[in-house]
Amino acid sequence: MNNFQKRVLTSLVILPLSVYFIVMGGYYIVSFLYAILILGNYEVFSVFKKKLSIIFLDIILVVTLLSILHLRNDTLSSFVLLTWLITITICSDVGGYIFGKIFKWKKFTSISPNKTISGSLGSFIFSLLSVFLISFIFQIISGMDSNFFIKPKYFIMAIILSLAAQLGDLSISYLKRIEKIKDTGKLLPGHGGIFDRVDSLMFVVIVGLIFYKLGLFP
């Protein structure tokens, strides 16, 4: 079984489980986030050696998990926002992967050799498509007009959130490059460790919470 097949199979297990715990909320989401915190901390202290890297990763992980918990449990709007943040992160990653593979344009950074201009463009395009997805999801959850989110501000937010996803990915790649490691762990076959999987989501959730607190959503 090659790495891509392992990645797909792992995703087929992780994604439904994650969705289940998030939808259930309550003790389910708390237990799920605690598990991620414990596993993430194990990775940080067993793989990374530089103190600044350890402090940064630990702080950003805690802030991310607290942000997820707050968005899940605050209001229906915050729950919809959390759903969109997860959706847009997936869209950004998938768009970057597809465009990077199809259009092999120039690499734009030495931090991560696999990152290309075409991949970055694909991330932005797929993130814009997530606005239509969240409109459909919001209609199912609330019964409101499916065109509620088809507004300029949400497309602008999508661009900003996609940028946050890409910066999160590059940040972890930079720290791994400093430590001269390929993955942060081996817990998730085909993906690596916890930080290899949530690197894009971390900054997206934090920026999303800022949007929420500023009253920009919904």
N, C-alpha and C. Protein backbone atom coordinates (compact mmCIF):
# COMPACT_ATOMS: atom_id res chain seq x y z
N MET A 1 0.84 -1.20 0.00
CA MET A 1 0.00 0.00 0.00
C MET A 1 0.88 1.25 0.00
N ASN A 2 0.70 2.13 -1.00
CA ASN A 2 1.52 3.33 -1.07
C ASN A 2 1.03 4.40 -0.11
N ASN A 3 1.81 5.49 -0.03
CA ASN A 3 1.50 6.55 0.93
C ASN A 3 0.15 7.21 0.66
N PHE A 4 -0.18 7.39 -0.63
CA PHE A 4 -1.45 8.04 -0.98
C PHE A 4 -2.64 7.19 -0.53
N GLN A 5 -2.55 5.87 -0.72
CA GLN A 5 -3.62 4.98 -0.29
C GLN A 5 -3.78 5.00 1.23
N LYS A 6 -2.65 5.01 1.94
CA LYS A 6 -2.70 5.11 3.40
C LYS A 6 -3.36 6.41 3.82
N ARG A 7 -3.02 7.48 3.11
CA ARG A 7 -3.57 8.81 3.43
C ARG A 7 -5.08 8.84 3.27
N VAL A 8 -5.56 8.24 2.18
CA VAL A 8 -7.00 8.20 1.92
C VAL A 8 -7.73 7.36 2.96
N LEU A 9 -7.20 6.17 3.27
CA LEU A 9 -7.85 5.30 4.24
C LEU A 9 -7.88 5.92 5.63
N THR A 10 -6.78 6.57 6.01
CA THR A 10 -6.74 7.25 7.31
C THR A 10 -7.77 8.38 7.37
N SER A 11 -7.90 9.12 6.28
CA SER A 11 -8.86 10.22 6.21
C SER A 11 -10.29 9.71 6.33
N LEU A 12 -10.55 8.54 5.73
CA LEU A 12 -11.89 7.95 5.78
C LEU A 12 -12.29 7.54 7.20
N VAL A 13 -11.30 7.34 8.04
CA VAL A 13 -11.56 7.00 9.44
C VAL A 13 -11.62 8.26 10.30
N ILE A 14 -10.63 9.13 10.11
CA ILE A 14 -10.51 10.32 10.96
C ILE A 14 -11.66 11.31 10.76
N LEU A 15 -12.01 11.59 9.50
CA LEU A 15 -13.01 12.61 9.22
C LEU A 15 -14.37 12.30 9.82
N PRO A 16 -14.93 11.08 9.60
CA PRO A 16 -16.23 10.78 10.22
C PRO A 16 -16.20 10.82 11.75
N LEU A 17 -15.09 10.33 12.35
CA LEU A 17 -14.97 10.37 13.80
C LEU A 17 -14.94 11.80 14.32
N SER A 18 -14.17 12.65 13.64
CA SER A 18 -14.08 14.05 14.04
C SER A 18 -15.43 14.74 13.94
N VAL A 19 -16.12 14.50 12.83
CA VAL A 19 -17.44 15.09 12.63
C VAL A 19 -18.40 14.61 13.72
N TYR A 20 -18.33 13.33 14.06
CA TYR A 20 -19.22 12.77 15.08
C TYR A 20 -19.04 13.48 16.42
N PHE A 21 -17.79 13.61 16.87
CA PHE A 21 -17.52 14.23 18.17
C PHE A 21 -17.91 15.71 18.17
N ILE A 22 -17.67 16.39 17.06
CA ILE A 22 -18.01 17.81 16.98
C ILE A 22 -19.52 18.01 16.98
N VAL A 23 -20.23 17.19 16.23
CA VAL A 23 -21.69 17.30 16.17
C VAL A 23 -22.32 16.96 17.52
N MET A 24 -21.81 15.94 18.18
CA MET A 24 -22.37 15.52 19.48
C MET A 24 -22.15 16.58 20.55
N GLY A 25 -21.01 17.26 20.51
CA GLY A 25 -20.74 18.32 21.49
C GLY A 25 -20.60 17.78 22.90
N GLY A 26 -20.82 18.64 23.89
CA GLY A 26 -20.79 18.23 25.29
C GLY A 26 -19.51 17.53 25.69
N TYR A 27 -19.67 16.43 26.45
CA TYR A 27 -18.51 15.67 26.91
C TYR A 27 -17.77 15.00 25.75
N TYR A 28 -18.48 14.75 24.66
CA TYR A 28 -17.86 14.11 23.50
C TYR A 28 -16.76 15.00 22.91
N ILE A 29 -17.11 16.26 22.66
CA ILE A 29 -16.14 17.17 22.06
C ILE A 29 -15.01 17.49 23.04
N VAL A 30 -15.34 17.59 24.34
CA VAL A 30 -14.32 17.86 25.35
C VAL A 30 -13.32 16.71 25.42
N SER A 31 -13.82 15.48 25.43
CA SER A 31 -12.95 14.30 25.48
C SER A 31 -12.09 14.21 24.23
N PHE A 32 -12.69 14.52 23.09
CA PHE A 32 -11.98 14.47 21.81
C PHE A 32 -10.84 15.48 21.79
N LEU A 33 -11.11 16.70 22.26
CA LEU A 33 -10.09 17.75 22.27
C LEU A 33 -9.00 17.45 23.29
N TYR A 34 -9.38 16.86 24.43
CA TYR A 34 -8.37 16.46 25.41
C TYR A 34 -7.41 15.43 24.83
N ALA A 35 -7.97 14.49 24.06
CA ALA A 35 -7.15 13.44 23.44
C ALA A 35 -6.15 14.07 22.47
N ILE A 36 -6.62 15.03 21.68
CA ILE A 36 -5.73 15.72 20.74
C ILE A 36 -4.65 16.49 21.49
N LEU A 37 -5.04 17.13 22.60
CA LEU A 37 -4.08 17.89 23.41
C LEU A 37 -2.98 16.98 23.95
N ILE A 38 -3.36 15.82 24.47
CA ILE A 38 -2.39 14.88 25.04
C ILE A 38 -1.45 14.34 23.96
N LEU A 39 -2.04 13.92 22.84
CA LEU A 39 -1.23 13.37 21.74
C LEU A 39 -0.34 14.45 21.12
N GLY A 40 -0.90 15.66 20.99
CA GLY A 40 -0.13 16.77 20.43
C GLY A 40 1.05 17.13 21.31
N ASN A 41 0.83 17.15 22.62
CA ASN A 41 1.91 17.47 23.55
C ASN A 41 2.99 16.39 23.55
N TYR A 42 2.55 15.15 23.40
CA TYR A 42 3.52 14.05 23.31
C TYR A 42 4.43 14.25 22.11
N GLU A 43 3.84 14.63 20.97
CA GLU A 43 4.63 14.90 19.77
C GLU A 43 5.60 16.05 19.99
N VAL A 44 5.07 17.12 20.55
CA VAL A 44 5.89 18.33 20.73
C VAL A 44 7.14 18.03 21.55
N PHE A 45 6.96 17.35 22.67
CA PHE A 45 8.08 17.14 23.59
C PHE A 45 8.97 15.96 23.20
N SER A 46 8.49 15.09 22.31
CA SER A 46 9.30 13.95 21.91
C SER A 46 10.02 14.18 20.59
N VAL A 47 9.50 15.09 19.76
CA VAL A 47 10.08 15.30 18.43
C VAL A 47 10.88 16.59 18.35
N PHE A 48 10.33 17.67 18.91
CA PHE A 48 10.99 18.97 18.80
C PHE A 48 11.96 19.20 19.96
N LYS A 49 13.08 19.79 19.64
CA LYS A 49 14.13 20.00 20.64
C LYS A 49 14.31 21.47 21.02
N LYS A 50 14.01 22.36 20.09
CA LYS A 50 14.22 23.79 20.33
C LYS A 50 13.09 24.34 21.22
N LYS A 51 13.46 25.06 22.26
CA LYS A 51 12.48 25.54 23.24
C LYS A 51 11.45 26.47 22.62
N LEU A 52 11.89 27.36 21.72
CA LEU A 52 10.94 28.30 21.10
C LEU A 52 9.90 27.55 20.27
N SER A 53 10.33 26.51 19.58
CA SER A 53 9.40 25.70 18.78
C SER A 53 8.38 25.02 19.69
N ILE A 54 8.86 24.47 20.78
CA ILE A 54 7.97 23.76 21.73
C ILE A 54 6.95 24.73 22.32
N ILE A 55 7.41 25.89 22.75
CA ILE A 55 6.51 26.89 23.35
C ILE A 55 5.47 27.35 22.34
N PHE A 56 5.92 27.68 21.12
CA PHE A 56 5.01 28.15 20.08
C PHE A 56 3.95 27.10 19.76
N LEU A 57 4.37 25.87 19.53
CA LEU A 57 3.43 24.80 19.15
C LEU A 57 2.45 24.50 20.28
N ASP A 58 2.94 24.50 21.50
CA ASP A 58 2.05 24.19 22.62
C ASP A 58 1.01 25.28 22.81
N ILE A 59 1.43 26.53 22.71
CA ILE A 59 0.49 27.65 22.86
C ILE A 59 -0.54 27.65 21.74
N ILE A 60 -0.08 27.48 20.50
CA ILE A 60 -0.98 27.54 19.35
C ILE A 60 -1.96 26.37 19.38
N LEU A 61 -1.52 25.21 19.88
CA LEU A 61 -2.42 24.04 19.99
C LEU A 61 -3.51 24.30 21.03
N VAL A 62 -3.12 24.81 22.19
CA VAL A 62 -4.09 25.08 23.25
C VAL A 62 -5.10 26.13 22.81
N VAL A 63 -4.62 27.21 22.21
CA VAL A 63 -5.52 28.28 21.73
C VAL A 63 -6.48 27.73 20.67
N THR A 64 -5.97 26.88 19.79
CA THR A 64 -6.81 26.30 18.74
C THR A 64 -7.91 25.44 19.33
N LEU A 65 -7.56 24.57 20.27
CA LEU A 65 -8.55 23.67 20.87
C LEU A 65 -9.59 24.43 21.68
N LEU A 66 -9.16 25.46 22.39
CA LEU A 66 -10.11 26.29 23.15
C LEU A 66 -11.04 27.05 22.20
N SER A 67 -10.50 27.48 21.07
CA SER A 67 -11.30 28.19 20.07
C SER A 67 -12.36 27.26 19.48
N ILE A 68 -11.97 26.04 19.19
CA ILE A 68 -12.92 25.05 18.67
C ILE A 68 -14.03 24.79 19.68
N LEU A 69 -13.66 24.63 20.93
CA LEU A 69 -14.65 24.36 21.98
C LEU A 69 -15.61 25.52 22.12
N HIS A 70 -15.09 26.74 22.10
CA HIS A 70 -15.95 27.93 22.23
C HIS A 70 -16.91 28.05 21.05
N LEU A 71 -16.40 27.88 19.85
CA LEU A 71 -17.25 28.00 18.66
C LEU A 71 -18.31 26.90 18.64
N ARG A 72 -17.96 25.72 19.10
CA ARG A 72 -18.93 24.62 19.10
C ARG A 72 -20.07 24.86 20.08
N ASN A 73 -19.77 25.43 21.23
CA ASN A 73 -20.76 25.48 22.31
C ASN A 73 -21.42 26.83 22.52
N ASP A 74 -21.01 27.86 21.78
CA ASP A 74 -21.54 29.20 22.06
C ASP A 74 -22.95 29.39 21.50
N THR A 75 -23.09 29.47 20.21
CA THR A 75 -24.40 29.68 19.57
C THR A 75 -24.50 28.83 18.31
N LEU A 76 -25.68 28.83 17.70
CA LEU A 76 -25.85 28.13 16.43
C LEU A 76 -24.97 28.76 15.36
N SER A 77 -24.87 30.09 15.38
CA SER A 77 -24.04 30.78 14.39
C SER A 77 -22.58 30.37 14.51
N SER A 78 -22.08 30.26 15.75
CA SER A 78 -20.69 29.89 15.95
C SER A 78 -20.45 28.44 15.52
N PHE A 79 -21.46 27.59 15.71
CA PHE A 79 -21.36 26.19 15.28
C PHE A 79 -21.30 26.11 13.75
N VAL A 80 -22.11 26.92 13.08
CA VAL A 80 -22.08 26.97 11.62
C VAL A 80 -20.73 27.50 11.16
N LEU A 81 -20.21 28.50 11.85
CA LEU A 81 -18.90 29.05 11.51
C LEU A 81 -17.82 27.98 11.64
N LEU A 82 -17.86 27.21 12.74
CA LEU A 82 -16.88 26.14 12.94
C LEU A 82 -16.97 25.13 11.80
N THR A 83 -18.19 24.82 11.39
CA THR A 83 -18.39 23.90 10.27
C THR A 83 -17.74 24.45 9.01
N TRP A 84 -17.90 25.75 8.79
CA TRP A 84 -17.30 26.38 7.61
C TRP A 84 -15.77 26.39 7.70
N LEU A 85 -15.25 26.65 8.89
CA LEU A 85 -13.80 26.69 9.07
C LEU A 85 -13.16 25.34 8.74
N ILE A 86 -13.81 24.28 9.17
CA ILE A 86 -13.31 22.93 8.86
C ILE A 86 -13.44 22.66 7.37
N THR A 87 -14.59 23.06 6.80
CA THR A 87 -14.83 22.86 5.37
C THR A 87 -13.82 23.62 4.53
N ILE A 88 -13.57 24.87 4.89
CA ILE A 88 -12.66 25.69 4.10
C ILE A 88 -11.22 25.20 4.21
N THR A 89 -10.85 24.63 5.35
CA THR A 89 -9.52 24.08 5.51
C THR A 89 -9.33 22.87 4.59
N ILE A 90 -10.35 22.01 4.56
CA ILE A 90 -10.30 20.84 3.68
C ILE A 90 -10.25 21.28 2.22
N CYS A 91 -11.10 22.25 1.86
CA CYS A 91 -11.12 22.75 0.48
C CYS A 91 -9.78 23.35 0.09
N SER A 92 -9.18 24.11 1.00
CA SER A 92 -7.89 24.74 0.73
C SER A 92 -6.81 23.69 0.51
N ASP A 93 -6.80 22.66 1.35
CA ASP A 93 -5.80 21.60 1.23
C ASP A 93 -5.99 20.80 -0.07
N VAL A 94 -7.25 20.45 -0.35
CA VAL A 94 -7.55 19.66 -1.55
C VAL A 94 -7.24 20.46 -2.81
N GLY A 95 -7.63 21.74 -2.80
CA GLY A 95 -7.36 22.60 -3.95
C GLY A 95 -5.88 22.75 -4.21
N GLY A 96 -5.11 22.91 -3.14
CA GLY A 96 -3.66 23.03 -3.28
C GLY A 96 -3.04 21.76 -3.83
N TYR A 97 -3.55 20.61 -3.35
CA TYR A 97 -3.01 19.33 -3.81
C TYR A 97 -3.32 19.09 -5.29
N ILE A 98 -4.59 19.31 -5.67
CA ILE A 98 -5.01 19.04 -7.05
C ILE A 98 -4.31 19.97 -8.04
N PHE A 99 -4.33 21.26 -7.76
CA PHE A 99 -3.71 22.22 -8.68
C PHE A 99 -2.19 22.03 -8.72
N GLY A 100 -1.61 21.68 -7.56
CA GLY A 100 -0.17 21.46 -7.52
C GLY A 100 0.26 20.27 -8.36
N LYS A 101 -0.59 19.25 -8.40
CA LYS A 101 -0.28 18.05 -9.18
C LYS A 101 -0.53 18.26 -10.67
N ILE A 102 -1.60 18.97 -11.01
CA ILE A 102 -1.97 19.15 -12.42
C ILE A 102 -1.12 20.23 -13.09
N PHE A 103 -1.01 21.38 -12.41
CA PHE A 103 -0.25 22.50 -12.98
C PHE A 103 1.07 22.65 -12.22
N LYS A 104 2.09 22.09 -12.74
CA LYS A 104 3.38 22.09 -12.03
C LYS A 104 4.13 23.40 -12.30
N TRP A 105 3.65 24.46 -11.66
CA TRP A 105 4.27 25.76 -11.83
C TRP A 105 5.46 25.90 -10.89
N LYS A 106 6.00 27.08 -10.89
CA LYS A 106 7.20 27.38 -10.12
C LYS A 106 6.97 27.23 -8.62
N LYS A 107 7.95 26.67 -7.92
CA LYS A 107 7.91 26.60 -6.45
C LYS A 107 8.15 28.00 -5.90
N PHE A 108 7.39 28.38 -4.87
CA PHE A 108 7.48 29.75 -4.40
C PHE A 108 8.17 29.90 -3.04
N THR A 109 8.60 28.80 -2.42
CA THR A 109 9.30 28.92 -1.15
C THR A 109 10.20 27.72 -0.93
N SER A 110 11.31 27.94 -0.26
CA SER A 110 12.23 26.85 0.05
C SER A 110 11.87 26.16 1.36
N ILE A 111 10.91 26.75 2.08
CA ILE A 111 10.48 26.17 3.35
C ILE A 111 9.87 24.80 3.12
N SER A 112 9.01 24.72 2.09
CA SER A 112 8.36 23.46 1.74
C SER A 112 8.49 23.27 0.24
N PRO A 113 9.38 22.39 -0.21
CA PRO A 113 9.67 22.21 -1.64
C PRO A 113 8.45 21.82 -2.48
N ASN A 114 7.43 21.24 -1.86
CA ASN A 114 6.25 20.80 -2.61
C ASN A 114 5.24 21.92 -2.86
N LYS A 115 5.46 23.07 -2.24
CA LYS A 115 4.51 24.17 -2.40
C LYS A 115 4.80 24.94 -3.69
N THR A 116 3.78 25.08 -4.52
CA THR A 116 3.94 25.78 -5.79
C THR A 116 2.93 26.92 -5.90
N ILE A 117 3.19 27.82 -6.84
CA ILE A 117 2.27 28.93 -7.07
C ILE A 117 0.91 28.40 -7.51
N SER A 118 0.91 27.37 -8.36
CA SER A 118 -0.35 26.79 -8.82
C SER A 118 -1.12 26.17 -7.66
N GLY A 119 -0.41 25.53 -6.74
CA GLY A 119 -1.06 24.93 -5.58
C GLY A 119 -1.70 25.98 -4.70
N SER A 120 -1.00 27.10 -4.50
CA SER A 120 -1.55 28.20 -3.70
C SER A 120 -2.79 28.78 -4.35
N LEU A 121 -2.74 28.93 -5.68
CA LEU A 121 -3.90 29.44 -6.42
C LEU A 121 -5.08 28.49 -6.28
N GLY A 122 -4.80 27.18 -6.37
CA GLY A 122 -5.85 26.18 -6.21
C GLY A 122 -6.50 26.25 -4.84
N SER A 123 -5.69 26.51 -3.81
CA SER A 123 -6.21 26.64 -2.45
C SER A 123 -7.21 27.79 -2.35
N PHE A 124 -6.87 28.92 -2.96
CA PHE A 124 -7.76 30.08 -2.93
C PHE A 124 -9.06 29.80 -3.69
N ILE A 125 -8.95 29.16 -4.85
CA ILE A 125 -10.13 28.88 -5.67
C ILE A 125 -11.09 27.92 -4.96
N PHE A 126 -10.56 26.84 -4.41
CA PHE A 126 -11.41 25.88 -3.71
C PHE A 126 -11.99 26.48 -2.44
N SER A 127 -11.27 27.39 -1.80
CA SER A 127 -11.78 28.05 -0.61
C SER A 127 -12.98 28.93 -0.94
N LEU A 128 -12.92 29.58 -2.11
CA LEU A 128 -14.06 30.38 -2.55
C LEU A 128 -15.29 29.50 -2.78
N LEU A 129 -15.06 28.29 -3.28
CA LEU A 129 -16.17 27.37 -3.52
C LEU A 129 -16.82 26.93 -2.20
N SER A 130 -16.05 27.00 -1.10
CA SER A 130 -16.61 26.60 0.19
C SER A 130 -17.74 27.51 0.64
N VAL A 131 -17.78 28.74 0.12
CA VAL A 131 -18.87 29.67 0.47
C VAL A 131 -20.20 29.08 0.01
N PHE A 132 -20.21 28.47 -1.16
CA PHE A 132 -21.44 27.85 -1.66
C PHE A 132 -21.79 26.62 -0.83
N LEU A 133 -20.78 25.88 -0.39
CA LEU A 133 -21.03 24.71 0.44
C LEU A 133 -21.64 25.10 1.78
N ILE A 134 -21.08 26.14 2.42
CA ILE A 134 -21.60 26.54 3.73
C ILE A 134 -23.00 27.12 3.60
N SER A 135 -23.31 27.73 2.46
CA SER A 135 -24.66 28.23 2.23
C SER A 135 -25.65 27.08 2.23
N PHE A 136 -25.27 25.98 1.58
CA PHE A 136 -26.12 24.80 1.52
C PHE A 136 -26.26 24.16 2.90
N ILE A 137 -25.14 24.04 3.63
CA ILE A 137 -25.16 23.46 4.97
C ILE A 137 -26.01 24.30 5.92
N PHE A 138 -25.86 25.63 5.83
CA PHE A 138 -26.61 26.53 6.71
C PHE A 138 -28.11 26.42 6.44
N GLN A 139 -28.48 26.24 5.18
CA GLN A 139 -29.88 26.09 4.84
C GLN A 139 -30.46 24.83 5.48
N ILE A 140 -29.69 23.74 5.48
CA ILE A 140 -30.15 22.49 6.09
C ILE A 140 -30.31 22.64 7.59
N ILE A 141 -29.33 23.31 8.24
CA ILE A 141 -29.34 23.44 9.70
C ILE A 141 -30.41 24.40 10.18
N SER A 142 -30.53 25.55 9.53
CA SER A 142 -31.41 26.62 10.03
C SER A 142 -32.69 26.79 9.24
N GLY A 143 -32.74 26.27 8.02
CA GLY A 143 -33.92 26.45 7.19
C GLY A 143 -33.98 27.80 6.51
N MET A 144 -32.90 28.59 6.63
CA MET A 144 -32.88 29.91 6.01
C MET A 144 -32.54 29.82 4.53
N ASP A 145 -32.67 30.93 3.83
CA ASP A 145 -32.38 31.00 2.40
C ASP A 145 -30.95 30.56 2.12
N SER A 146 -30.77 29.69 1.13
CA SER A 146 -29.45 29.16 0.81
C SER A 146 -28.52 30.24 0.26
N ASN A 147 -29.08 31.38 -0.16
CA ASN A 147 -28.26 32.47 -0.69
C ASN A 147 -27.78 33.44 0.39
N PHE A 148 -28.05 33.09 1.65
CA PHE A 148 -27.72 33.99 2.76
C PHE A 148 -26.23 34.35 2.77
N PHE A 149 -25.37 33.38 2.45
CA PHE A 149 -23.92 33.60 2.52
C PHE A 149 -23.31 34.06 1.20
N ILE A 150 -24.11 34.14 0.17
CA ILE A 150 -23.56 34.56 -1.13
C ILE A 150 -23.44 36.08 -1.14
N LYS A 151 -22.49 36.56 -0.36
CA LYS A 151 -22.26 38.00 -0.24
C LYS A 151 -20.76 38.25 -0.34
N PRO A 152 -20.36 39.44 -0.81
CA PRO A 152 -18.93 39.74 -0.99
C PRO A 152 -18.08 39.51 0.25
N LYS A 153 -18.62 39.83 1.45
CA LYS A 153 -17.78 39.74 2.65
C LYS A 153 -17.36 38.30 2.94
N TYR A 154 -18.21 37.33 2.60
CA TYR A 154 -17.86 35.94 2.87
C TYR A 154 -16.80 35.42 1.90
N PHE A 155 -16.81 35.94 0.68
CA PHE A 155 -15.78 35.57 -0.27
C PHE A 155 -14.43 36.18 0.14
N ILE A 156 -14.48 37.40 0.68
CA ILE A 156 -13.26 38.03 1.20
C ILE A 156 -12.73 37.25 2.40
N MET A 157 -13.65 36.85 3.29
CA MET A 157 -13.26 36.05 4.44
C MET A 157 -12.64 34.72 4.01
N ALA A 158 -13.20 34.13 2.94
CA ALA A 158 -12.69 32.86 2.43
C ALA A 158 -11.24 32.99 1.98
N ILE A 159 -10.94 34.10 1.32
CA ILE A 159 -9.56 34.35 0.87
C ILE A 159 -8.63 34.48 2.07
N ILE A 160 -9.06 35.24 3.07
CA ILE A 160 -8.24 35.45 4.27
C ILE A 160 -8.02 34.13 5.01
N LEU A 161 -9.08 33.34 5.13
CA LEU A 161 -8.99 32.06 5.84
C LEU A 161 -8.11 31.06 5.08
N SER A 162 -8.18 31.09 3.75
CA SER A 162 -7.31 30.23 2.95
C SER A 162 -5.85 30.63 3.14
N LEU A 163 -5.61 31.93 3.20
CA LEU A 163 -4.26 32.42 3.46
C LEU A 163 -3.78 31.95 4.83
N ALA A 164 -4.69 31.98 5.83
CA ALA A 164 -4.35 31.52 7.17
C ALA A 164 -4.01 30.03 7.15
N ALA A 165 -4.76 29.25 6.38
CA ALA A 165 -4.50 27.82 6.26
C ALA A 165 -3.12 27.56 5.67
N GLN A 166 -2.79 28.30 4.63
CA GLN A 166 -1.50 28.11 3.97
C GLN A 166 -0.34 28.56 4.87
N LEU A 167 -0.55 29.65 5.61
CA LEU A 167 0.48 30.12 6.54
C LEU A 167 0.70 29.12 7.67
N GLY A 168 -0.40 28.50 8.14
CA GLY A 168 -0.29 27.48 9.18
C GLY A 168 0.53 26.30 8.70
N ASP A 169 0.24 25.87 7.48
CA ASP A 169 0.98 24.77 6.87
C ASP A 169 2.47 25.11 6.75
N LEU A 170 2.75 26.30 6.26
CA LEU A 170 4.14 26.72 6.08
C LEU A 170 4.86 26.89 7.42
N SER A 171 4.14 27.34 8.43
CA SER A 171 4.76 27.53 9.75
C SER A 171 5.26 26.21 10.33
N ILE A 172 4.41 25.18 10.26
CA ILE A 172 4.81 23.87 10.76
C ILE A 172 5.94 23.29 9.90
N SER A 173 5.84 23.51 8.59
CA SER A 173 6.90 23.04 7.69
C SER A 173 8.24 23.69 8.03
N TYR A 174 8.18 24.98 8.37
CA TYR A 174 9.41 25.72 8.73
C TYR A 174 10.02 25.15 10.02
N LEU A 175 9.18 24.87 11.01
CA LEU A 175 9.68 24.33 12.27
C LEU A 175 10.25 22.92 12.07
N LYS A 176 9.59 22.14 11.21
CA LYS A 176 10.11 20.79 10.92
C LYS A 176 11.43 20.87 10.17
N ARG A 177 11.55 21.87 9.31
CA ARG A 177 12.80 22.05 8.55
C ARG A 177 13.95 22.41 9.49
N ILE A 178 13.66 23.24 10.48
CA ILE A 178 14.68 23.62 11.47
C ILE A 178 15.16 22.38 12.23
N GLU A 179 14.18 21.52 12.58
CA GLU A 179 14.50 20.31 13.35
C GLU A 179 15.03 19.18 12.46
N LYS A 180 14.96 19.40 11.13
CA LYS A 180 15.40 18.41 10.15
C LYS A 180 14.63 17.10 10.27
N ILE A 181 13.29 17.24 10.35
CA ILE A 181 12.41 16.06 10.40
C ILE A 181 11.37 16.18 9.29
N LYS A 182 10.86 15.04 8.85
CA LYS A 182 9.86 15.01 7.77
C LYS A 182 8.45 15.14 8.32
N ASP A 183 8.15 14.39 9.38
CA ASP A 183 6.82 14.39 10.00
C ASP A 183 6.95 14.65 11.50
N THR A 184 5.86 15.12 12.10
CA THR A 184 5.88 15.36 13.54
C THR A 184 5.60 14.09 14.33
N GLY A 185 5.21 13.02 13.65
CA GLY A 185 4.93 11.76 14.32
C GLY A 185 4.53 10.70 13.32
N LYS A 186 4.09 9.56 13.83
CA LYS A 186 3.69 8.44 12.98
C LYS A 186 2.31 7.91 13.35
N LEU A 187 1.57 8.69 14.13
CA LEU A 187 0.28 8.24 14.63
C LEU A 187 -0.73 8.01 13.51
N LEU A 188 -0.69 8.88 12.49
CA LEU A 188 -1.68 8.82 11.42
C LEU A 188 -1.02 8.35 10.12
N PRO A 189 -1.19 7.10 9.74
CA PRO A 189 -0.56 6.56 8.53
C PRO A 189 -0.89 7.40 7.29
N GLY A 190 0.14 7.76 6.55
CA GLY A 190 -0.05 8.56 5.34
C GLY A 190 -0.05 10.05 5.60
N HIS A 191 -0.28 10.44 6.84
CA HIS A 191 -0.32 11.86 7.21
C HIS A 191 0.87 12.26 8.07
N GLY A 192 1.24 11.38 8.98
CA GLY A 192 2.30 11.70 9.93
C GLY A 192 1.74 11.80 11.33
N GLY A 193 1.96 12.96 11.97
CA GLY A 193 1.49 13.15 13.34
C GLY A 193 0.32 14.11 13.42
N ILE A 194 -0.06 14.45 14.64
CA ILE A 194 -1.19 15.36 14.88
C ILE A 194 -0.96 16.70 14.21
N PHE A 195 0.23 17.26 14.36
CA PHE A 195 0.51 18.59 13.79
C PHE A 195 0.59 18.55 12.27
N ASP A 196 0.94 17.40 11.71
CA ASP A 196 0.94 17.28 10.25
C ASP A 196 -0.49 17.34 9.71
N ARG A 197 -1.46 16.97 10.54
CA ARG A 197 -2.85 16.94 10.11
C ARG A 197 -3.59 18.24 10.41
N VAL A 198 -3.27 18.88 11.53
CA VAL A 198 -4.02 20.08 11.93
C VAL A 198 -3.27 21.38 11.66
N ASP A 199 -2.12 21.29 10.96
CA ASP A 199 -1.33 22.50 10.74
C ASP A 199 -2.12 23.60 10.03
N SER A 200 -2.89 23.23 9.00
CA SER A 200 -3.68 24.23 8.26
C SER A 200 -4.86 24.73 9.08
N LEU A 201 -5.44 23.86 9.89
CA LEU A 201 -6.65 24.21 10.64
C LEU A 201 -6.39 25.20 11.77
N MET A 202 -5.20 25.13 12.38
CA MET A 202 -4.93 25.91 13.59
C MET A 202 -5.13 27.41 13.39
N PHE A 203 -4.46 27.96 12.41
CA PHE A 203 -4.58 29.40 12.17
C PHE A 203 -5.97 29.77 11.69
N VAL A 204 -6.60 28.87 10.92
CA VAL A 204 -7.95 29.13 10.40
C VAL A 204 -8.94 29.28 11.54
N VAL A 205 -8.87 28.39 12.51
CA VAL A 205 -9.80 28.44 13.66
C VAL A 205 -9.59 29.71 14.47
N ILE A 206 -8.35 30.07 14.69
CA ILE A 206 -8.06 31.27 15.49
C ILE A 206 -8.55 32.52 14.77
N VAL A 207 -8.25 32.64 13.48
CA VAL A 207 -8.73 33.79 12.69
C VAL A 207 -10.25 33.79 12.64
N GLY A 208 -10.85 32.60 12.49
CA GLY A 208 -12.31 32.49 12.46
C GLY A 208 -12.95 32.97 13.75
N LEU A 209 -12.33 32.64 14.88
CA LEU A 209 -12.85 33.10 16.17
C LEU A 209 -12.77 34.62 16.27
N ILE A 210 -11.70 35.20 15.74
CA ILE A 210 -11.57 36.67 15.73
C ILE A 210 -12.70 37.29 14.90
N PHE A 211 -12.98 36.71 13.73
CA PHE A 211 -14.10 37.18 12.91
C PHE A 211 -15.40 37.14 13.69
N TYR A 212 -15.60 36.04 14.42
CA TYR A 212 -16.83 35.86 15.19
C TYR A 212 -16.95 36.90 16.29
N LYS A 213 -15.86 37.14 17.00
CA LYS A 213 -15.88 38.10 18.12
C LYS A 213 -16.05 39.54 17.60
N LEU A 214 -15.60 39.78 16.38
CA LEU A 214 -15.77 41.11 15.79
C LEU A 214 -17.17 41.30 15.18
N GLY A 215 -17.97 40.26 15.24
CA GLY A 215 -19.33 40.35 14.71
C GLY A 215 -19.41 40.27 13.19
N LEU A 216 -18.39 39.72 12.55
CA LEU A 216 -18.37 39.62 11.10
C LEU A 216 -19.09 38.38 10.59
N PHE A 217 -19.47 37.49 11.49
CA PHE A 217 -20.17 36.27 11.14
C PHE A 217 -21.31 36.05 12.11
N PRO A 218 -22.55 35.78 11.65
CA PRO A 218 -22.93 35.63 10.22
C PRO A 218 -23.16 37.00 9.58
